[in-house]
N, C-alpha and C. Protein backbone atom coordinates (compact mmCIF):
# COMPACT_ATOMS: atom_id res chain seq x y z
N MET A 1 -18.92 -13.16 -23.21
CA MET A 1 -18.13 -13.99 -24.07
C MET A 1 -17.76 -15.25 -23.30
N ILE A 2 -17.90 -16.38 -23.94
CA ILE A 2 -17.62 -17.66 -23.31
C ILE A 2 -16.53 -18.37 -24.11
N ASP A 3 -15.55 -18.87 -23.39
CA ASP A 3 -14.46 -19.63 -24.02
C ASP A 3 -15.07 -20.86 -24.69
N SER A 4 -14.65 -21.14 -25.91
CA SER A 4 -15.22 -22.26 -26.65
C SER A 4 -14.94 -23.61 -25.98
N ALA A 5 -13.87 -23.71 -25.20
CA ALA A 5 -13.56 -24.96 -24.49
C ALA A 5 -14.65 -25.28 -23.47
N VAL A 6 -15.25 -24.26 -22.91
CA VAL A 6 -16.31 -24.46 -21.93
C VAL A 6 -17.57 -24.98 -22.59
N LEU A 7 -17.75 -24.69 -23.86
CA LEU A 7 -18.96 -25.07 -24.58
C LEU A 7 -18.89 -26.47 -25.20
N ARG A 8 -17.77 -27.17 -25.02
CA ARG A 8 -17.67 -28.53 -25.59
C ARG A 8 -18.72 -29.44 -24.97
N PRO A 9 -19.16 -30.46 -25.69
CA PRO A 9 -20.17 -31.38 -25.17
C PRO A 9 -19.72 -32.00 -23.83
N GLY A 10 -20.68 -32.12 -22.94
CA GLY A 10 -20.42 -32.73 -21.65
C GLY A 10 -20.05 -31.74 -20.56
N ARG A 11 -19.81 -30.49 -20.90
CA ARG A 11 -19.43 -29.49 -19.91
C ARG A 11 -20.66 -28.95 -19.17
N PHE A 12 -21.64 -28.55 -19.92
CA PHE A 12 -22.86 -27.99 -19.35
C PHE A 12 -24.06 -28.61 -20.05
N ASP A 13 -25.12 -28.87 -19.29
CA ASP A 13 -26.33 -29.40 -19.89
C ASP A 13 -27.13 -28.31 -20.58
N LYS A 14 -27.17 -27.14 -19.98
CA LYS A 14 -27.96 -26.03 -20.52
C LYS A 14 -27.14 -24.74 -20.45
N ILE A 15 -27.37 -23.90 -21.41
CA ILE A 15 -26.76 -22.58 -21.40
C ILE A 15 -27.89 -21.57 -21.33
N LEU A 16 -27.85 -20.72 -20.32
CA LEU A 16 -28.90 -19.72 -20.13
C LEU A 16 -28.33 -18.33 -20.34
N PHE A 17 -29.07 -17.50 -21.02
CA PHE A 17 -28.67 -16.11 -21.18
C PHE A 17 -29.25 -15.32 -20.01
N VAL A 18 -28.38 -14.61 -19.33
CA VAL A 18 -28.81 -13.75 -18.23
C VAL A 18 -28.51 -12.32 -18.66
N GLY A 19 -29.55 -11.54 -18.83
CA GLY A 19 -29.39 -10.18 -19.31
C GLY A 19 -28.85 -9.24 -18.24
N ILE A 20 -28.61 -8.04 -18.64
CA ILE A 20 -28.13 -7.00 -17.72
C ILE A 20 -29.29 -6.60 -16.80
N PRO A 21 -29.02 -6.52 -15.50
CA PRO A 21 -30.12 -6.20 -14.57
C PRO A 21 -30.67 -4.79 -14.78
N ARG A 22 -31.96 -4.66 -14.54
CA ARG A 22 -32.62 -3.35 -14.61
C ARG A 22 -32.28 -2.55 -13.36
N SER A 23 -32.66 -1.30 -13.34
CA SER A 23 -32.32 -0.38 -12.26
C SER A 23 -32.73 -0.92 -10.88
N ASN A 24 -33.99 -1.36 -10.74
CA ASN A 24 -34.43 -1.86 -9.44
C ASN A 24 -33.71 -3.15 -9.06
N ASP A 25 -33.34 -3.97 -10.04
CA ASP A 25 -32.58 -5.19 -9.77
C ASP A 25 -31.16 -4.85 -9.31
N ARG A 26 -30.55 -3.84 -9.95
CA ARG A 26 -29.22 -3.41 -9.52
C ARG A 26 -29.25 -2.89 -8.10
N CYS A 27 -30.32 -2.18 -7.77
CA CYS A 27 -30.50 -1.66 -6.41
C CYS A 27 -30.56 -2.83 -5.41
N ASP A 28 -31.30 -3.86 -5.74
CA ASP A 28 -31.40 -5.03 -4.87
C ASP A 28 -30.04 -5.72 -4.72
N ILE A 29 -29.30 -5.81 -5.81
CA ILE A 29 -27.97 -6.43 -5.75
C ILE A 29 -27.05 -5.62 -4.84
N LEU A 30 -27.06 -4.30 -5.01
CA LEU A 30 -26.22 -3.44 -4.17
C LEU A 30 -26.62 -3.54 -2.70
N LYS A 31 -27.91 -3.61 -2.44
CA LYS A 31 -28.37 -3.76 -1.06
C LYS A 31 -27.84 -5.05 -0.45
N ALA A 32 -27.92 -6.12 -1.20
CA ALA A 32 -27.45 -7.42 -0.68
C ALA A 32 -25.94 -7.41 -0.45
N LEU A 33 -25.22 -6.80 -1.37
CA LEU A 33 -23.75 -6.79 -1.26
C LEU A 33 -23.24 -5.87 -0.17
N THR A 34 -24.01 -4.86 0.19
CA THR A 34 -23.54 -3.89 1.18
C THR A 34 -24.20 -4.06 2.55
N LYS A 35 -24.97 -5.12 2.71
CA LYS A 35 -25.66 -5.34 3.98
C LYS A 35 -24.69 -5.39 5.16
N GLU A 36 -23.55 -6.06 4.98
CA GLU A 36 -22.56 -6.15 6.06
C GLU A 36 -22.03 -4.78 6.43
N LEU A 37 -21.79 -3.96 5.42
CA LEU A 37 -21.30 -2.60 5.69
C LEU A 37 -22.33 -1.80 6.47
N ALA A 38 -23.59 -2.00 6.18
CA ALA A 38 -24.64 -1.28 6.90
C ALA A 38 -24.61 -1.63 8.38
N VAL A 39 -24.36 -2.89 8.69
CA VAL A 39 -24.28 -3.32 10.08
C VAL A 39 -23.07 -2.71 10.77
N LEU A 40 -21.95 -2.63 10.05
CA LEU A 40 -20.69 -2.14 10.63
C LEU A 40 -20.62 -0.63 10.74
N THR A 41 -21.58 0.08 10.14
CA THR A 41 -21.51 1.55 10.13
C THR A 41 -22.64 2.19 10.93
N GLU A 42 -23.02 1.56 12.00
CA GLU A 42 -24.05 2.11 12.89
C GLU A 42 -23.62 3.51 13.34
N GLY A 43 -24.51 4.48 13.20
CA GLY A 43 -24.23 5.84 13.63
C GLY A 43 -23.61 6.73 12.56
N TYR A 44 -23.29 6.17 11.41
CA TYR A 44 -22.70 6.97 10.34
C TYR A 44 -23.79 7.78 9.63
N THR A 45 -23.47 9.02 9.30
CA THR A 45 -24.39 9.86 8.53
C THR A 45 -24.19 9.58 7.04
N GLY A 46 -25.03 10.18 6.21
CA GLY A 46 -24.85 10.06 4.76
C GLY A 46 -23.49 10.58 4.32
N ALA A 47 -23.06 11.70 4.91
CA ALA A 47 -21.74 12.27 4.58
C ALA A 47 -20.63 11.34 5.04
N ASP A 48 -20.80 10.72 6.21
CA ASP A 48 -19.81 9.76 6.70
C ASP A 48 -19.68 8.58 5.74
N LEU A 49 -20.81 8.09 5.25
CA LEU A 49 -20.80 6.96 4.32
C LEU A 49 -20.16 7.35 2.99
N ALA A 50 -20.44 8.56 2.53
CA ALA A 50 -19.80 9.05 1.29
C ALA A 50 -18.29 9.12 1.48
N GLY A 51 -17.86 9.58 2.65
CA GLY A 51 -16.43 9.63 2.95
C GLY A 51 -15.82 8.24 3.00
N LEU A 52 -16.56 7.29 3.54
CA LEU A 52 -16.09 5.91 3.60
C LEU A 52 -15.88 5.35 2.19
N VAL A 53 -16.83 5.63 1.31
CA VAL A 53 -16.72 5.16 -0.08
C VAL A 53 -15.50 5.80 -0.75
N ARG A 54 -15.30 7.10 -0.55
CA ARG A 54 -14.13 7.78 -1.13
C ARG A 54 -12.83 7.19 -0.59
N GLN A 55 -12.79 6.95 0.72
CA GLN A 55 -11.60 6.39 1.35
C GLN A 55 -11.29 5.00 0.79
N ALA A 56 -12.31 4.17 0.64
CA ALA A 56 -12.13 2.82 0.08
C ALA A 56 -11.64 2.91 -1.37
N ALA A 57 -12.19 3.85 -2.13
CA ALA A 57 -11.76 4.03 -3.52
C ALA A 57 -10.31 4.48 -3.59
N MET A 58 -9.89 5.36 -2.69
CA MET A 58 -8.49 5.80 -2.67
C MET A 58 -7.56 4.64 -2.32
N LYS A 59 -7.98 3.81 -1.39
CA LYS A 59 -7.18 2.64 -1.03
C LYS A 59 -7.04 1.71 -2.23
N ALA A 60 -8.11 1.50 -2.96
CA ALA A 60 -8.06 0.66 -4.15
C ALA A 60 -7.14 1.27 -5.21
N PHE A 61 -7.20 2.58 -5.37
CA PHE A 61 -6.36 3.27 -6.36
C PHE A 61 -4.89 3.14 -5.99
N LYS A 62 -4.57 3.35 -4.72
CA LYS A 62 -3.17 3.23 -4.28
C LYS A 62 -2.67 1.80 -4.46
N GLU A 63 -3.51 0.84 -4.12
CA GLU A 63 -3.17 -0.57 -4.29
C GLU A 63 -2.91 -0.88 -5.77
N TYR A 64 -3.75 -0.34 -6.62
CA TYR A 64 -3.60 -0.54 -8.06
C TYR A 64 -2.26 0.01 -8.55
N LEU A 65 -1.91 1.21 -8.08
CA LEU A 65 -0.66 1.84 -8.50
C LEU A 65 0.56 1.07 -8.00
N LEU A 66 0.46 0.49 -6.82
CA LEU A 66 1.61 -0.19 -6.21
C LEU A 66 1.82 -1.62 -6.70
N VAL A 67 0.75 -2.36 -6.88
CA VAL A 67 0.93 -3.80 -7.12
C VAL A 67 0.28 -4.33 -8.38
N SER A 68 -0.50 -3.56 -9.07
CA SER A 68 -1.25 -4.13 -10.18
C SER A 68 -0.38 -4.36 -11.40
N THR A 69 -0.59 -5.52 -12.01
CA THR A 69 0.03 -5.81 -13.30
C THR A 69 -1.03 -5.78 -14.40
N ASP A 70 -2.26 -5.46 -14.00
CA ASP A 70 -3.38 -5.38 -14.93
C ASP A 70 -3.28 -4.08 -15.71
N ASP A 71 -3.10 -4.18 -17.01
CA ASP A 71 -2.96 -2.97 -17.81
C ASP A 71 -4.27 -2.52 -18.45
N SER A 72 -5.39 -3.09 -17.99
CA SER A 72 -6.68 -2.72 -18.57
C SER A 72 -7.16 -1.36 -18.07
N GLY A 73 -6.59 -0.91 -16.95
CA GLY A 73 -7.02 0.35 -16.37
C GLY A 73 -8.20 0.21 -15.43
N ASP A 74 -8.67 -1.02 -15.23
CA ASP A 74 -9.80 -1.26 -14.33
C ASP A 74 -9.31 -1.29 -12.89
N ILE A 75 -9.89 -0.46 -12.06
CA ILE A 75 -9.57 -0.44 -10.64
C ILE A 75 -10.78 -1.01 -9.91
N LYS A 76 -10.55 -1.99 -9.07
CA LYS A 76 -11.65 -2.66 -8.37
C LYS A 76 -11.57 -2.34 -6.89
N VAL A 77 -12.67 -1.84 -6.34
CA VAL A 77 -12.77 -1.59 -4.90
C VAL A 77 -13.29 -2.86 -4.27
N THR A 78 -12.51 -3.43 -3.35
CA THR A 78 -12.84 -4.71 -2.77
C THR A 78 -13.41 -4.55 -1.36
N LYS A 79 -13.91 -5.65 -0.83
CA LYS A 79 -14.39 -5.67 0.54
C LYS A 79 -13.26 -5.29 1.48
N ASP A 80 -12.06 -5.78 1.22
CA ASP A 80 -10.91 -5.43 2.07
C ASP A 80 -10.64 -3.93 2.05
N ASN A 81 -10.79 -3.29 0.89
CA ASN A 81 -10.62 -1.83 0.82
C ASN A 81 -11.62 -1.13 1.73
N PHE A 82 -12.86 -1.62 1.72
CA PHE A 82 -13.89 -1.03 2.59
C PHE A 82 -13.57 -1.27 4.05
N LEU A 83 -13.12 -2.47 4.39
CA LEU A 83 -12.82 -2.77 5.78
C LEU A 83 -11.62 -1.96 6.28
N GLN A 84 -10.63 -1.75 5.43
CA GLN A 84 -9.49 -0.90 5.79
C GLN A 84 -9.95 0.54 6.00
N ALA A 85 -10.78 1.04 5.09
CA ALA A 85 -11.29 2.40 5.21
C ALA A 85 -12.15 2.54 6.46
N LEU A 86 -12.90 1.50 6.78
CA LEU A 86 -13.76 1.53 7.96
C LEU A 86 -12.94 1.64 9.24
N SER A 87 -11.77 1.03 9.25
CA SER A 87 -10.92 1.10 10.44
C SER A 87 -10.37 2.51 10.65
N GLU A 88 -10.37 3.33 9.61
CA GLU A 88 -9.84 4.69 9.69
C GLU A 88 -10.92 5.76 9.68
N THR A 89 -12.15 5.38 9.41
CA THR A 89 -13.25 6.34 9.28
C THR A 89 -14.25 6.09 10.40
N LYS A 90 -14.48 7.10 11.19
CA LYS A 90 -15.41 6.97 12.31
C LYS A 90 -16.62 7.88 12.07
N PRO A 91 -17.74 7.57 12.72
CA PRO A 91 -18.93 8.42 12.55
C PRO A 91 -18.68 9.82 13.11
N SER A 92 -19.26 10.81 12.47
CA SER A 92 -19.04 12.20 12.90
C SER A 92 -20.02 12.62 13.99
N VAL A 93 -21.04 11.80 14.24
CA VAL A 93 -22.04 12.13 15.25
C VAL A 93 -21.97 11.05 16.33
N SER A 94 -21.88 11.49 17.59
CA SER A 94 -21.84 10.52 18.68
C SER A 94 -23.26 10.25 19.20
N SER A 95 -23.42 9.19 19.95
CA SER A 95 -24.74 8.83 20.46
C SER A 95 -25.22 9.81 21.52
N GLU A 96 -24.32 10.56 22.13
CA GLU A 96 -24.71 11.57 23.11
C GLU A 96 -25.37 12.72 22.41
């Protein structure tokens, strides 16, 4: 949905419809968005990464309960939530 004020003459030269990405496109988007996390989680197992995601989600949920004025019910897990969770979640396997 686009606000009609944005569509007034002189705002945009062209309007393009961008459809919903297909499965492989969504995978590419997720890869690009999580590349930094992959670098920061050297040595983490699949279970460690799943725990990291859960921890970040819990941080987002707590933040939502404490400070959100958004009544839509949408909880957003942010990069900061992941970075906070990363500071508390360590790999379960050591290099030794």
